[in-house]
Amino acid sequence: MPDVVTLWRPTGPEELGLVEASGWRCWPPRLPEQPIFYPVLNEEYAIKIARDWNVPASGAGYVTRFDVRADFLDRYPVQQAGGRTILEYWIPAEDLDELNDNIVGLIEVTRTYPAA
């Protein structure tokens, strides 16, 4: 088993549908206005985004968890996007296929937040 890093991704229903269509194995290509893929390093931060941003924006929010080979992530510095626990990777859209190739196992939904 390779060394892996567990990442979290808050997402809305449209993106989650594309992940499901992939057999829970990969993230869909970014849209032109999305040059960066932002997986986060802790579930609490992912929960906050899914609940407080995805639900109002798209009617539901989901928290996903997935493992990525550590040696792939080594080339990307961890970014602090706010407070000390608001940590994420900034993966350029053109590297997303390679990230997908380095996912170990399946992408899984850990939490669901429907609109109130």
PDB file of N, CA and C in Angstrom:
ATOM      1  N   MET A   1       0.853  -1.194   0.000  1.00  0.00           N
ATOM      2  CA  MET A   1       0.000   0.000   0.000  1.00  0.00           C
ATOM      3  C   MET A   1       0.890   1.245   0.000  1.00  0.00           C
ATOM      4  N   PRO A   2       0.714   2.143  -0.964  1.00  0.00           N
ATOM      5  CA  PRO A   2       1.530   3.355  -0.992  1.00  0.00           C
ATOM      6  C   PRO A   2       1.147   4.296   0.156  1.00  0.00           C
ATOM      7  N   ASP A   3       2.068   5.200   0.502  1.00  0.00           N
ATOM      8  CA  ASP A   3       1.738   6.242   1.469  1.00  0.00           C
ATOM      9  C   ASP A   3       0.704   7.151   0.835  1.00  0.00           C
ATOM     10  N   VAL A   4      -0.362   7.436   1.585  1.00  0.00           N
ATOM     11  CA  VAL A   4      -1.439   8.268   1.058  1.00  0.00           C
ATOM     12  C   VAL A   4      -1.739   9.417   2.005  1.00  0.00           C
ATOM     13  N   VAL A   5      -2.358  10.441   1.455  1.00  0.00           N
ATOM     14  CA  VAL A   5      -2.878  11.563   2.219  1.00  0.00           C
ATOM     15  C   VAL A   5      -4.386  11.545   2.029  1.00  0.00           C
ATOM     16  N   THR A   6      -5.122  11.604   3.132  1.00  0.00           N
ATOM     17  CA  THR A   6      -6.582  11.676   3.050  1.00  0.00           C
ATOM     18  C   THR A   6      -6.980  13.126   2.836  1.00  0.00           C
ATOM     19  N   LEU A   7      -7.778  13.346   1.795  1.00  0.00           N
ATOM     20  CA  LEU A   7      -8.273  14.677   1.463  1.00  0.00           C
ATOM     21  C   LEU A   7      -9.791  14.682   1.531  1.00  0.00           C
ATOM     22  N   TRP A   8     -10.338  15.863   1.649  1.00  0.00           N
ATOM     23  CA  TRP A   8     -11.776  16.082   1.722  1.00  0.00           C
ATOM     24  C   TRP A   8     -12.143  17.066   0.629  1.00  0.00           C
ATOM     25  N   ARG A   9     -13.347  16.911   0.100  1.00  0.00           N
ATOM     26  CA  ARG A   9     -13.798  17.828  -0.948  1.00  0.00           C
ATOM     27  C   ARG A   9     -15.274  18.130  -0.716  1.00  0.00           C
ATOM     28  N   PRO A  10     -15.604  19.389  -0.392  1.00  0.00           N
ATOM     29  CA  PRO A  10     -17.011  19.777  -0.351  1.00  0.00           C
ATOM     30  C   PRO A  10     -17.493  19.963  -1.779  1.00  0.00           C
ATOM     31  N   THR A  11     -18.698  19.517  -2.064  1.00  0.00           N
ATOM     32  CA  THR A  11     -19.191  19.594  -3.436  1.00  0.00           C
ATOM     33  C   THR A  11     -20.703  19.731  -3.459  1.00  0.00           C
ATOM     34  N   GLY A  12     -21.195  20.137  -4.581  1.00  0.00           N
ATOM     35  CA  GLY A  12     -22.626  20.245  -4.797  1.00  0.00           C
ATOM     36  C   GLY A  12     -23.144  19.048  -5.580  1.00  0.00           C
ATOM     37  N   PRO A  13     -24.450  19.000  -5.828  1.00  0.00           N
ATOM     38  CA  PRO A  13     -25.053  17.835  -6.479  1.00  0.00           C
ATOM     39  C   PRO A  13     -24.583  17.587  -7.909  1.00  0.00           C
ATOM     40  N   GLU A  14     -24.320  18.626  -8.670  1.00  0.00           N
ATOM     41  CA  GLU A  14     -23.914  18.430 -10.064  1.00  0.00           C
ATOM     42  C   GLU A  14     -22.543  17.750 -10.146  1.00  0.00           C
ATOM     43  N   GLU A  15     -21.580  18.281  -9.406  1.00  0.00           N
ATOM     44  CA  GLU A  15     -20.250  17.673  -9.418  1.00  0.00           C
ATOM     45  C   GLU A  15     -20.300  16.255  -8.839  1.00  0.00           C
ATOM     46  N   LEU A  16     -21.079  16.067  -7.781  1.00  0.00           N
ATOM     47  CA  LEU A  16     -21.177  14.730  -7.181  1.00  0.00           C
ATOM     48  C   LEU A  16     -21.766  13.733  -8.172  1.00  0.00           C
ATOM     49  N   GLY A  17     -22.728  14.158  -8.978  1.00  0.00           N
ATOM     50  CA  GLY A  17     -23.285  13.275  -9.994  1.00  0.00           C
ATOM     51  C   GLY A  17     -22.237  12.822 -10.999  1.00  0.00           C
ATOM     52  N   LEU A  18     -21.321  13.708 -11.354  1.00  0.00           N
ATOM     53  CA  LEU A  18     -20.248  13.345 -12.275  1.00  0.00           C
ATOM     54  C   LEU A  18     -19.252  12.382 -11.631  1.00  0.00           C
ATOM     55  N   VAL A  19     -18.997  12.572 -10.335  1.00  0.00           N
ATOM     56  CA  VAL A  19     -18.125  11.638  -9.615  1.00  0.00           C
ATOM     57  C   VAL A  19     -18.781  10.257  -9.572  1.00  0.00           C
ATOM     58  N   GLU A  20     -20.070  10.236  -9.267  1.00  0.00           N
ATOM     59  CA  GLU A  20     -20.790   8.955  -9.245  1.00  0.00           C
ATOM     60  C   GLU A  20     -20.735   8.273 -10.616  1.00  0.00           C
ATOM     61  N   ALA A  21     -20.915   9.057 -11.685  1.00  0.00           N
ATOM     62  CA  ALA A  21     -20.880   8.498 -13.041  1.00  0.00           C
ATOM     63  C   ALA A  21     -19.517   7.897 -13.375  1.00  0.00           C
ATOM     64  N   SER A  22     -18.470   8.347 -12.702  1.00  0.00           N
ATOM     65  CA  SER A  22     -17.122   7.802 -12.929  1.00  0.00           C
ATOM     66  C   SER A  22     -16.892   6.504 -12.156  1.00  0.00           C
ATOM     67  N   GLY A  23     -17.914   6.062 -11.438  1.00  0.00           N
ATOM     68  CA  GLY A  23     -17.730   4.898 -10.576  1.00  0.00           C
ATOM     69  C   GLY A  23     -17.042   5.260  -9.273  1.00  0.00           C
ATOM     70  N   TRP A  24     -17.133   6.538  -8.874  1.00  0.00           N
ATOM     71  CA  TRP A  24     -16.530   7.040  -7.639  1.00  0.00           C
ATOM     72  C   TRP A  24     -15.002   6.987  -7.701  1.00  0.00           C
ATOM     73  N   ARG A  25     -14.456   7.129  -8.919  1.00  0.00           N
ATOM     74  CA  ARG A  25     -13.009   6.993  -9.092  1.00  0.00           C
ATOM     75  C   ARG A  25     -12.289   8.283  -9.469  1.00  0.00           C
ATOM     76  N   CYS A  26     -13.019   9.297  -9.936  1.00  0.00           N
ATOM     77  CA  CYS A  26     -12.290  10.501 -10.353  1.00  0.00           C
ATOM     78  C   CYS A  26     -13.169  11.745 -10.282  1.00  0.00           C
ATOM     79  N   TRP A  27     -12.464  12.867 -10.258  1.00  0.00           N
ATOM     80  CA  TRP A  27     -13.107  14.175 -10.271  1.00  0.00           C
ATOM     81  C   TRP A  27     -13.263  14.636 -11.716  1.00  0.00           C
ATOM     82  N   PRO A  28     -14.376  15.307 -12.022  1.00  0.00           N
ATOM     83  CA  PRO A  28     -14.595  15.751 -13.403  1.00  0.00           C
ATOM     84  C   PRO A  28     -13.676  16.914 -13.771  1.00  0.00           C
ATOM     85  N   PRO A  29     -13.460  17.118 -15.061  1.00  0.00           N
ATOM     86  CA  PRO A  29     -12.643  18.259 -15.498  1.00  0.00           C
ATOM     87  C   PRO A  29     -13.213  19.564 -14.960  1.00  0.00           C
ATOM     88  N   ARG A  30     -12.343  20.498 -14.737  1.00  0.00           N
ATOM     89  CA  ARG A  30     -12.758  21.828 -14.289  1.00  0.00           C
ATOM     90  C   ARG A  30     -13.411  22.569 -15.447  1.00  0.00           C
ATOM     91  N   LEU A  31     -14.316  23.451 -15.112  1.00  0.00           N
ATOM     92  CA  LEU A  31     -14.915  24.350 -16.097  1.00  0.00           C
ATOM     93  C   LEU A  31     -13.910  25.463 -16.407  1.00  0.00           C
ATOM     94  N   PRO A  32     -14.069  26.162 -17.537  1.00  0.00           N
ATOM     95  CA  PRO A  32     -13.106  27.219 -17.883  1.00  0.00           C
ATOM     96  C   PRO A  32     -12.903  28.252 -16.766  1.00  0.00           C
ATOM     97  N   GLU A  33     -13.951  28.532 -16.013  1.00  0.00           N
ATOM     98  CA  GLU A  33     -13.834  29.522 -14.930  1.00  0.00           C
ATOM     99  C   GLU A  33     -13.307  28.907 -13.624  1.00  0.00           C
ATOM    100  N   GLN A  34     -12.887  27.643 -13.679  1.00  0.00           N
ATOM    101  CA  GLN A  34     -12.359  26.941 -12.508  1.00  0.00           C
ATOM    102  C   GLN A  34     -10.930  26.442 -12.799  1.00  0.00           C
ATOM    103  N   PRO A  35      -9.946  27.326 -12.752  1.00  0.00           N
ATOM    104  CA  PRO A  35      -8.587  26.911 -13.115  1.00  0.00           C
ATOM    105  C   PRO A  35      -7.873  26.077 -12.046  1.00  0.00           C
ATOM    106  N   ILE A  36      -8.465  25.989 -10.861  1.00  0.00           N
ATOM    107  CA  ILE A  36      -7.825  25.286  -9.750  1.00  0.00           C
ATOM    108  C   ILE A  36      -8.827  24.317  -9.125  1.00  0.00           C
ATOM    109  N   PHE A  37      -8.337  23.133  -8.724  1.00  0.00           N
ATOM    110  CA  PHE A  37      -9.107  22.157  -7.950  1.00  0.00           C
ATOM    111  C   PHE A  37      -8.620  22.267  -6.513  1.00  0.00           C
ATOM    112  N   TYR A  38      -9.558  22.440  -5.574  1.00  0.00           N
ATOM    113  CA  TYR A  38      -9.221  22.727  -4.184  1.00  0.00           C
ATOM    114  C   TYR A  38      -9.655  21.613  -3.224  1.00  0.00           C
ATOM    115  N   PRO A  39      -8.912  20.543  -3.089  1.00  0.00           N
ATOM    116  CA  PRO A  39      -9.225  19.598  -2.018  1.00  0.00           C
ATOM    117  C   PRO A  39      -8.691  20.159  -0.698  1.00  0.00           C
ATOM    118  N   VAL A  40      -9.366  19.839   0.405  1.00  0.00           N
ATOM    119  CA  VAL A  40      -8.968  20.389   1.704  1.00  0.00           C
ATOM    120  C   VAL A  40      -8.421  19.280   2.599  1.00  0.00           C
ATOM    121  N   LEU A  41      -7.725  19.691   3.664  1.00  0.00           N
ATOM    122  CA  LEU A  41      -7.003  18.738   4.498  1.00  0.00           C
ATOM    123  C   LEU A  41      -7.733  18.312   5.765  1.00  0.00           C
ATOM    124  N   ASN A  42      -8.908  18.871   6.031  1.00  0.00           N
ATOM    125  CA  ASN A  42      -9.636  18.392   7.210  1.00  0.00           C
ATOM    126  C   ASN A  42     -11.139  18.440   6.993  1.00  0.00           C
ATOM    127  N   GLU A  43     -11.790  17.512   7.631  1.00  0.00           N
ATOM    128  CA  GLU A  43     -13.232  17.356   7.439  1.00  0.00           C
ATOM    129  C   GLU A  43     -14.012  18.567   7.950  1.00  0.00           C
ATOM    130  N   GLU A  44     -13.593  19.178   9.031  1.00  0.00           N
ATOM    131  CA  GLU A  44     -14.339  20.310   9.590  1.00  0.00           C
ATOM    132  C   GLU A  44     -14.449  21.460   8.588  1.00  0.00           C
ATOM    133  N   TYR A  45     -13.344  21.738   7.907  1.00  0.00           N
ATOM    134  CA  TYR A  45     -13.355  22.793   6.888  1.00  0.00           C
ATOM    135  C   TYR A  45     -14.275  22.402   5.731  1.00  0.00           C
ATOM    136  N   ALA A  46     -14.224  21.153   5.307  1.00  0.00           N
ATOM    137  CA  ALA A  46     -15.097  20.679   4.225  1.00  0.00           C
ATOM    138  C   ALA A  46     -16.568  20.765   4.630  1.00  0.00           C
ATOM    139  N   ILE A  47     -16.866  20.421   5.865  1.00  0.00           N
ATOM    140  CA  ILE A  47     -18.249  20.511   6.367  1.00  0.00           C
ATOM    141  C   ILE A  47     -18.745  21.953   6.280  1.00  0.00           C
ATOM    142  N   LYS A  48     -17.930  22.881   6.747  1.00  0.00           N
ATOM    143  CA  LYS A  48     -18.328  24.293   6.730  1.00  0.00           C
ATOM    144  C   LYS A  48     -18.657  24.759   5.310  1.00  0.00           C
ATOM    145  N   ILE A  49     -17.820  24.411   4.351  1.00  0.00           N
ATOM    146  CA  ILE A  49     -18.069  24.830   2.968  1.00  0.00           C
ATOM    147  C   ILE A  49     -19.317  24.152   2.406  1.00  0.00           C
ATOM    148  N   ALA A  50     -19.448  22.842   2.614  1.00  0.00           N
ATOM    149  CA  ALA A  50     -20.611  22.110   2.086  1.00  0.00           C
ATOM    150  C   ALA A  50     -21.914  22.655   2.656  1.00  0.00           C
ATOM    151  N   ARG A  51     -21.924  22.878   3.953  1.00  0.00           N
ATOM    152  CA  ARG A  51     -23.143  23.320   4.638  1.00  0.00           C
ATOM    153  C   ARG A  51     -23.448  24.793   4.385  1.00  0.00           C
ATOM    154  N   ASP A  52     -22.415  25.643   4.457  1.00  0.00           N
ATOM    155  CA  ASP A  52     -22.639  27.085   4.430  1.00  0.00           C
ATOM    156  C   ASP A  52     -22.543  27.697   3.034  1.00  0.00           C
ATOM    157  N   TRP A  53     -21.937  26.979   2.091  1.00  0.00           N
ATOM    158  CA  TRP A  53     -21.802  27.536   0.750  1.00  0.00           C
ATOM    159  C   TRP A  53     -22.537  26.695  -0.283  1.00  0.00           C
ATOM    160  N   ASN A  54     -22.290  25.369  -0.312  1.00  0.00           N
ATOM    161  CA  ASN A  54     -22.910  24.533  -1.341  1.00  0.00           C
ATOM    162  C   ASN A  54     -24.433  24.460  -1.190  1.00  0.00           C
ATOM    163  N   VAL A  55     -24.942  24.354   0.039  1.00  0.00           N
ATOM    164  CA  VAL A  55     -26.399  24.267   0.214  1.00  0.00           C
ATOM    165  C   VAL A  55     -27.089  25.514  -0.339  1.00  0.00           C
ATOM    166  N   PRO A  56     -26.698  26.728   0.061  1.00  0.00           N
ATOM    167  CA  PRO A  56     -27.368  27.904  -0.512  1.00  0.00           C
ATOM    168  C   PRO A  56     -27.154  28.041  -2.023  1.00  0.00           C
ATOM    169  N   ALA A  57     -25.977  27.648  -2.513  1.00  0.00           N
ATOM    170  CA  ALA A  57     -25.658  27.828  -3.936  1.00  0.00           C
ATOM    171  C   ALA A  57     -26.344  26.813  -4.833  1.00  0.00           C
ATOM    172  N   SER A  58     -26.526  25.571  -4.339  1.00  0.00           N
ATOM    173  CA  SER A  58     -27.038  24.530  -5.244  1.00  0.00           C
ATOM    174  C   SER A  58     -28.094  23.618  -4.628  1.00  0.00           C
ATOM    175  N   GLY A  59     -28.564  23.937  -3.439  1.00  0.00           N
ATOM    176  CA  GLY A  59     -29.649  23.170  -2.851  1.00  0.00           C
ATOM    177  C   GLY A  59     -29.226  21.977  -2.011  1.00  0.00           C
ATOM    178  N   ALA A  60     -27.970  21.597  -2.070  1.00  0.00           N
ATOM    179  CA  ALA A  60     -27.458  20.494  -1.249  1.00  0.00           C
ATOM    180  C   ALA A  60     -25.944  20.612  -1.197  1.00  0.00           C
ATOM    181  N   GLY A  61     -25.375  20.064  -0.145  1.00  0.00           N
ATOM    182  CA  GLY A  61     -23.922  20.039  -0.012  1.00  0.00           C
ATOM    183  C   GLY A  61     -23.476  18.670   0.446  1.00  0.00           C
ATOM    184  N   TYR A  62     -22.354  18.240  -0.052  1.00  0.00           N
ATOM    185  CA  TYR A  62     -21.820  16.918   0.273  1.00  0.00           C
ATOM    186  C   TYR A  62     -20.359  17.061   0.665  1.00  0.00           C
ATOM    187  N   VAL A  63     -19.955  16.246   1.614  1.00  0.00           N
ATOM    188  CA  VAL A  63     -18.547  16.151   1.977  1.00  0.00           C
ATOM    189  C   VAL A  63     -18.058  14.799   1.477  1.00  0.00           C
ATOM    190  N   THR A  64     -16.965  14.827   0.730  1.00  0.00           N
ATOM    191  CA  THR A  64     -16.381  13.584   0.230  1.00  0.00           C
ATOM    192  C   THR A  64     -14.988  13.417   0.826  1.00  0.00           C
ATOM    193  N   ARG A  65     -14.558  12.163   0.868  1.00  0.00           N
ATOM    194  CA  ARG A  65     -13.225  11.820   1.363  1.00  0.00           C
ATOM    195  C   ARG A  65     -12.566  10.913   0.333  1.00  0.00           C
ATOM    196  N   PHE A  66     -11.265  11.127   0.122  1.00  0.00           N
ATOM    197  CA  PHE A  66     -10.525  10.275  -0.809  1.00  0.00           C
ATOM    198  C   PHE A  66      -9.050  10.321  -0.458  1.00  0.00           C
ATOM    199  N   ASP A  67      -8.349   9.273  -0.825  1.00  0.00           N
ATOM    200  CA  ASP A  67      -6.919   9.160  -0.552  1.00  0.00           C
ATOM    201  C   ASP A  67      -6.131   9.362  -1.838  1.00  0.00           C
ATOM    202  N   VAL A  68      -5.030  10.105  -1.725  1.00  0.00           N
ATOM    203  CA  VAL A  68      -4.154  10.387  -2.860  1.00  0.00           C
ATOM    204  C   VAL A  68      -2.730  10.004  -2.468  1.00  0.00           C
ATOM    205  N   ARG A  69      -2.018   9.411  -3.409  1.00  0.00           N
ATOM    206  CA  ARG A  69      -0.619   9.055  -3.153  1.00  0.00           C
ATOM    207  C   ARG A  69       0.158  10.294  -2.705  1.00  0.00           C
ATOM    208  N   ALA A  70       0.859  10.151  -1.590  1.00  0.00           N
ATOM    209  CA  ALA A  70       1.606  11.267  -1.011  1.00  0.00           C
ATOM    210  C   ALA A  70       2.675  11.781  -1.956  1.00  0.00           C
ATOM    211  N   ASP A  71       3.332  10.904  -2.695  1.00  0.00           N
ATOM    212  CA  ASP A  71       4.405  11.370  -3.580  1.00  0.00           C
ATOM    213  C   ASP A  71       3.871  12.266  -4.701  1.00  0.00           C
ATOM    214  N   PHE A  72       2.627  12.085  -5.121  1.00  0.00           N
ATOM    215  CA  PHE A  72       2.031  13.006  -6.097  1.00  0.00           C
ATOM    216  C   PHE A  72       1.833  14.384  -5.463  1.00  0.00           C
ATOM    217  N   LEU A  73       1.311  14.427  -4.234  1.00  0.00           N
ATOM    218  CA  LEU A  73       1.014  15.703  -3.576  1.00  0.00           C
ATOM    219  C   LEU A  73       2.263  16.457  -3.147  1.00  0.00           C
ATOM    220  N   ASP A  74       3.386  15.773  -3.062  1.00  0.00           N
ATOM    221  CA  ASP A  74       4.624  16.417  -2.609  1.00  0.00           C
ATOM    222  C   ASP A  74       5.012  17.633  -3.449  1.00  0.00           C
ATOM    223  N   ARG A  75       4.584  17.692  -4.685  1.00  0.00           N
ATOM    224  CA  ARG A  75       4.972  18.823  -5.541  1.00  0.00           C
ATOM    225  C   ARG A  75       4.127  20.073  -5.312  1.00  0.00           C
ATOM    226  N   TYR A  76       3.057  19.953  -4.512  1.00  0.00           N
ATOM    227  CA  TYR A  76       2.152  21.078  -4.255  1.00  0.00           C
ATOM    228  C   TYR A  76       2.260  21.504  -2.791  1.00  0.00           C
ATOM    229  N   PRO A  77       2.561  22.765  -2.537  1.00  0.00           N
ATOM    230  CA  PRO A  77       2.586  23.205  -1.133  1.00  0.00           C
ATOM    231  C   PRO A  77       1.165  23.290  -0.574  1.00  0.00           C
ATOM    232  N   VAL A  78       1.037  22.996   0.697  1.00  0.00           N
ATOM    233  CA  VAL A  78      -0.248  23.189   1.382  1.00  0.00           C
ATOM    234  C   VAL A  78      -0.470  24.698   1.506  1.00  0.00           C
ATOM    235  N   GLN A  79      -1.661  25.136   1.153  1.00  0.00           N
ATOM    236  CA  GLN A  79      -2.011  26.552   1.215  1.00  0.00           C
ATOM    237  C   GLN A  79      -2.886  26.808   2.436  1.00  0.00           C
ATOM    238  N   GLN A  80      -2.571  27.870   3.153  1.00  0.00           N
ATOM    239  CA  GLN A  80      -3.412  28.285   4.275  1.00  0.00           C
ATOM    240  C   GLN A  80      -4.340  29.371   3.755  1.00  0.00           C
ATOM    241  N   ALA A  81      -5.620  29.047   3.661  1.00  0.00           N
ATOM    242  CA  ALA A  81      -6.586  29.932   3.000  1.00  0.00           C
ATOM    243  C   ALA A  81      -7.355  30.812   3.984  1.00  0.00           C
ATOM    244  N   GLY A  82      -6.922  30.881   5.192  1.00  0.00           N
ATOM    245  CA  GLY A  82      -7.604  31.666   6.219  1.00  0.00           C
ATOM    246  C   GLY A  82      -6.993  31.322   7.562  1.00  0.00           C
ATOM    247  N   GLY A  83      -7.820  30.872   8.488  1.00  0.00           N
ATOM    248  CA  GLY A  83      -7.340  30.464   9.806  1.00  0.00           C
ATOM    249  C   GLY A  83      -6.382  29.292   9.720  1.00  0.00           C
ATOM    250  N   ARG A  84      -5.746  28.963  10.846  1.00  0.00           N
ATOM    251  CA  ARG A  84      -4.686  27.955  10.829  1.00  0.00           C
ATOM    252  C   ARG A  84      -5.170  26.563  10.460  1.00  0.00           C
ATOM    253  N   THR A  85      -6.476  26.283  10.557  1.00  0.00           N
ATOM    254  CA  THR A  85      -7.003  24.970  10.164  1.00  0.00           C
ATOM    255  C   THR A  85      -7.639  24.987   8.780  1.00  0.00           C
ATOM    256  N   ILE A  86      -7.597  26.118   8.103  1.00  0.00           N
ATOM    257  CA  ILE A  86      -8.184  26.235   6.769  1.00  0.00           C
ATOM    258  C   ILE A  86      -7.075  25.973   5.751  1.00  0.00           C
ATOM    259  N   LEU A  87      -6.836  24.678   5.532  1.00  0.00           N
ATOM    260  CA  LEU A  87      -5.720  24.230   4.711  1.00  0.00           C
ATOM    261  C   LEU A  87      -6.234  23.488   3.486  1.00  0.00           C
ATOM    262  N   GLU A  88      -5.601  23.749   2.361  1.00  0.00           N
ATOM    263  CA  GLU A  88      -6.033  23.113   1.125  1.00  0.00           C
ATOM    264  C   GLU A  88      -4.859  23.007   0.151  1.00  0.00           C
ATOM    265  N   TYR A  89      -5.025  22.149  -0.822  1.00  0.00           N
ATOM    266  CA  TYR A  89      -4.090  22.073  -1.936  1.00  0.00           C
ATOM    267  C   TYR A  89      -4.699  22.845  -3.093  1.00  0.00           C
ATOM    268  N   TRP A  90      -3.856  23.462  -3.888  1.00  0.00           N
ATOM    269  CA  TRP A  90      -4.295  24.138  -5.099  1.00  0.00           C
ATOM    270  C   TRP A  90      -3.715  23.350  -6.268  1.00  0.00           C
ATOM    271  N   ILE A  91      -4.544  22.494  -6.856  1.00  0.00           N
ATOM    272  CA  ILE A  91      -4.118  21.645  -7.962  1.00  0.00           C
ATOM    273  C   ILE A  91      -4.575  22.306  -9.271  1.00  0.00           C
ATOM    274  N   PRO A  92      -3.651  22.700 -10.139  1.00  0.00           N
ATOM    275  CA  PRO A  92      -4.056  23.308 -11.408  1.00  0.00           C
ATOM    276  C   PRO A  92      -4.956  22.357 -12.214  1.00  0.00           C
ATOM    277  N   ALA A  93      -5.923  22.919 -12.902  1.00  0.00           N
ATOM    278  CA  ALA A  93      -6.876  22.116 -13.681  1.00  0.00           C
ATOM    279  C   ALA A  93      -6.163  21.174 -14.639  1.00  0.00           C
ATOM    280  N   GLU A  94      -5.043  21.608 -15.212  1.00  0.00           N
ATOM    281  CA  GLU A  94      -4.344  20.753 -16.172  1.00  0.00           C
ATOM    282  C   GLU A  94      -3.678  19.546 -15.500  1.00  0.00           C
ATOM    283  N   ASP A  95      -3.604  19.527 -14.171  1.00  0.00           N
ATOM    284  CA  ASP A  95      -3.032  18.390 -13.439  1.00  0.00           C
ATOM    285  C   ASP A  95      -4.096  17.442 -12.878  1.00  0.00           C
ATOM    286  N   LEU A  96      -5.369  17.750 -13.134  1.00  0.00           N
ATOM    287  CA  LEU A  96      -6.443  16.965 -12.523  1.00  0.00           C
ATOM    288  C   LEU A  96      -6.448  15.506 -12.982  1.00  0.00           C
ATOM    289  N   ASP A  97      -6.178  15.239 -14.259  1.00  0.00           N
ATOM    290  CA  ASP A  97      -6.128  13.847 -14.711  1.00  0.00           C
ATOM    291  C   ASP A  97      -5.061  13.067 -13.954  1.00  0.00           C
ATOM    292  N   GLU A  98      -3.922  13.699 -13.731  1.00  0.00           N
ATOM    293  CA  GLU A  98      -2.849  13.026 -12.991  1.00  0.00           C
ATOM    294  C   GLU A  98      -3.236  12.823 -11.527  1.00  0.00           C
ATOM    295  N   LEU A  99      -3.911  13.807 -10.933  1.00  0.00           N
ATOM    296  CA  LEU A  99      -4.420  13.619  -9.572  1.00  0.00           C
ATOM    297  C   LEU A  99      -5.353  12.418  -9.540  1.00  0.00           C
ATOM    298  N   ASN A 100      -6.284  12.359 -10.495  1.00  0.00           N
ATOM    299  CA  ASN A 100      -7.222  11.235 -10.550  1.00  0.00           C
ATOM    300  C   ASN A 100      -6.495   9.902 -10.665  1.00  0.00           C
ATOM    301  N   ASP A 101      -5.407   9.873 -11.433  1.00  0.00           N
ATOM    302  CA  ASP A 101      -4.617   8.642 -11.569  1.00  0.00           C
ATOM    303  C   ASP A 101      -3.945   8.237 -10.258  1.00  0.00           C
ATOM    304  N   ASN A 102      -3.825   9.184  -9.325  1.00  0.00           N
ATOM    305  CA  ASN A 102      -3.153   8.931  -8.059  1.00  0.00           C
ATOM    306  C   ASN A 102      -4.110   8.756  -6.890  1.00  0.00           C
ATOM    307  N   ILE A 103      -5.419   8.708  -7.175  1.00  0.00           N
ATOM    308  CA  ILE A 103      -6.385   8.388  -6.127  1.00  0.00           C
ATOM    309  C   ILE A 103      -6.287   6.896  -5.831  1.00  0.00           C
ATOM    310  N   VAL A 104      -6.203   6.581  -4.558  1.00  0.00           N
ATOM    311  CA  VAL A 104      -6.132   5.187  -4.114  1.00  0.00           C
ATOM    312  C   VAL A 104      -7.498   4.827  -3.535  1.00  0.00           C
ATOM    313  N   GLY A 105      -8.158   3.850  -4.125  1.00  0.00           N
ATOM    314  CA  GLY A 105      -9.498   3.488  -3.667  1.00  0.00           C
ATOM    315  C   GLY A 105     -10.553   4.364  -4.321  1.00  0.00           C
ATOM    316  N   LEU A 106     -11.669   4.497  -3.636  1.00  0.00           N
ATOM    317  CA  LEU A 106     -12.821   5.224  -4.170  1.00  0.00           C
ATOM    318  C   LEU A 106     -13.032   6.540  -3.436  1.00  0.00           C
ATOM    319  N   ILE A 107     -13.706   7.451  -4.101  1.00  0.00           N
ATOM    320  CA  ILE A 107     -14.166   8.688  -3.483  1.00  0.00           C
ATOM    321  C   ILE A 107     -15.461   8.336  -2.750  1.00  0.00           C
ATOM    322  N   GLU A 108     -15.574   8.729  -1.492  1.00  0.00           N
ATOM    323  CA  GLU A 108     -16.787   8.383  -0.744  1.00  0.00           C
ATOM    324  C   GLU A 108     -17.427   9.617  -0.123  1.00  0.00           C
ATOM    325  N   VAL A 109     -18.744   9.592  -0.063  1.00  0.00           N
ATOM    326  CA  VAL A 109     -19.504  10.662   0.587  1.00  0.00           C
ATOM    327  C   VAL A 109     -19.548  10.351   2.077  1.00  0.00           C
ATOM    328  N   THR A 110     -19.154  11.332   2.889  1.00  0.00           N
ATOM    329  CA  THR A 110     -19.167  11.148   4.343  1.00  0.00           C
ATOM    330  C   THR A 110     -20.293  11.922   5.024  1.00  0.00           C
ATOM    331  N   ARG A 111     -20.764  12.968   4.374  1.00  0.00           N
ATOM    332  CA  ARG A 111     -21.855  13.774   4.963  1.00  0.00           C
ATOM    333  C   ARG A 111     -22.685  14.388   3.851  1.00  0.00           C
ATOM    334  N   THR A 112     -23.967  14.556   4.153  1.00  0.00           N
ATOM    335  CA  THR A 112     -24.910  15.155   3.216  1.00  0.00           C
ATOM    336  C   THR A 112     -25.688  16.246   3.924  1.00  0.00           C
ATOM    337  N   TYR A 113     -25.835  17.394   3.267  1.00  0.00           N
ATOM    338  CA  TYR A 113     -26.571  18.518   3.820  1.00  0.00           C
ATOM    339  C   TYR A 113     -27.622  18.970   2.815  1.00  0.00           C
ATOM    340  N   PRO A 114     -28.860  18.561   3.031  1.00  0.00           N
ATOM    341  CA  PRO A 114     -29.934  19.011   2.124  1.00  0.00           C
ATOM    342  C   PRO A 114     -30.353  20.441   2.478  1.00  0.00           C
ATOM    343  N   ALA A 115     -31.004  21.085   1.528  1.00  0.00           N
ATOM    344  CA  ALA A 115     -31.565  22.401   1.804  1.00  0.00           C
ATOM    345  C   ALA A 115     -32.606  22.278   2.909  1.00  0.00           C
ATOM    346  N   ALA A 116     -32.706  23.298   3.736  1.00  0.00           N
ATOM    347  CA  ALA A 116     -33.657  23.271   4.866  1.00  0.00           C
ATOM    348  C   ALA A 116     -35.087  23.379   4.388  1.00  0.00           C
TER     349      ALA A 116
END
